[in-house]
């Protein structure tokens, strides 16, 4: 049985370090101008730092240049491709044929990964990209499990396959959508999606015999977010995915918080390792319970199990978790008074959970003391306030820098 790679998002250098800490084998990243996350905090220097750090701990970095590029963008693309070749990035993710051609010229030593934006839905398409220099294809999220198996069985062994197993699903076909550009003049295909599919809409009907007379279409409370999808979750399907030989399992979320990354990555890390170790005892439901603590929307398997599945719309537009939130991040551990960065309001009596890397079960405790990080005076509560706000707190067990804590509301 082949153990698949766990691939995590890195919207910044600090998020890349969190991803590696909590079990990612590799991360994918990209600059704001050339990847599909224009609001990610990752520029050339951050990319270089991420690659150097990853290689120092035996991990990998794949860099996205997966926009559909205008001619005016190719000078910057050439420059970045040359830089990535010098940095020895582990792969460049591309969707546009023109960009593929440039990467082959300017970064001949770097593997080419074909983005999900390229809509690879068949072995024929995968083989086309393989003949044109691809090392890996990132398959479209719209595929059924059996279709994925057929693609793997009818492509050359050197061609790697990657699929999304968790995260947001785009309303557009494989992420290619023009709705945002049409409604907000922000192109999703250039990384500036306004997430128009997540907006609430009112629907009106026009009377045929009286043009211009618009009447609101009645609907219940679930009938407003007509485009918004649930989040993909294939943790229960991991046994089938691993057995069919998928090379890399990808988590979506370069704009998600460090708390989200730590929770989701740690869960999938444990799920993969547990199945490899003891496939006969694998129970996907316990991993779902952990993921439910961080979900922002409902969870769906999309089309993986059922081509006719219709249960993947999030009509309520839910974007929060009512039970848990980001508590904080460890800055430095001291047995008596540990320094922690505050992410949400904390007070005496609150319950916190320490997310321990490579361990599914978190450690729960109740806050019994807090100290102002500057005056060292005891306080009853602390607000996040300014960026980087810290507090001193007593930890019941030894912890390490960058460990994440969640707060039970």
Foldseek 3Di string as FASTA:
>chain_A
DDQAFEEEEALFLLLLVLLVQQPHQEYEYEDLFQAQAVPRPDDPVRVLVNLVVQVVVNGAYEYERAFQDDPVCVVVLLVVLLVCLVSVHAEYEYQHPVSLVSNCVRRVPHAYEYALVNAPQALVVLQVVVVVGHQEYEHALLYAQVSVLRSCVNHDPSYAYEYEAKFFDALDGSQQDCVQCVPPVAHSSRNGRPPPLLDWAWDWDADPVHGPDTDTDDDDLLATSPRGWFMEHCLVVVVSVVVSPHHYYYYDDNPDDSVLSSQLSNLSSLSSVVCVVPVVPRDSVVSVVSNLQFGQFDYDNNPHHPSPDPPIHGSNSGGGRPWKDWAWFWAADDQAWTKTQGDAKDFFQWKKWWRRRNDNHTDIDTFHWKAQPPPRHTDGMDGNPDPRHIIIGHDPDTDHGGTTMMTTD
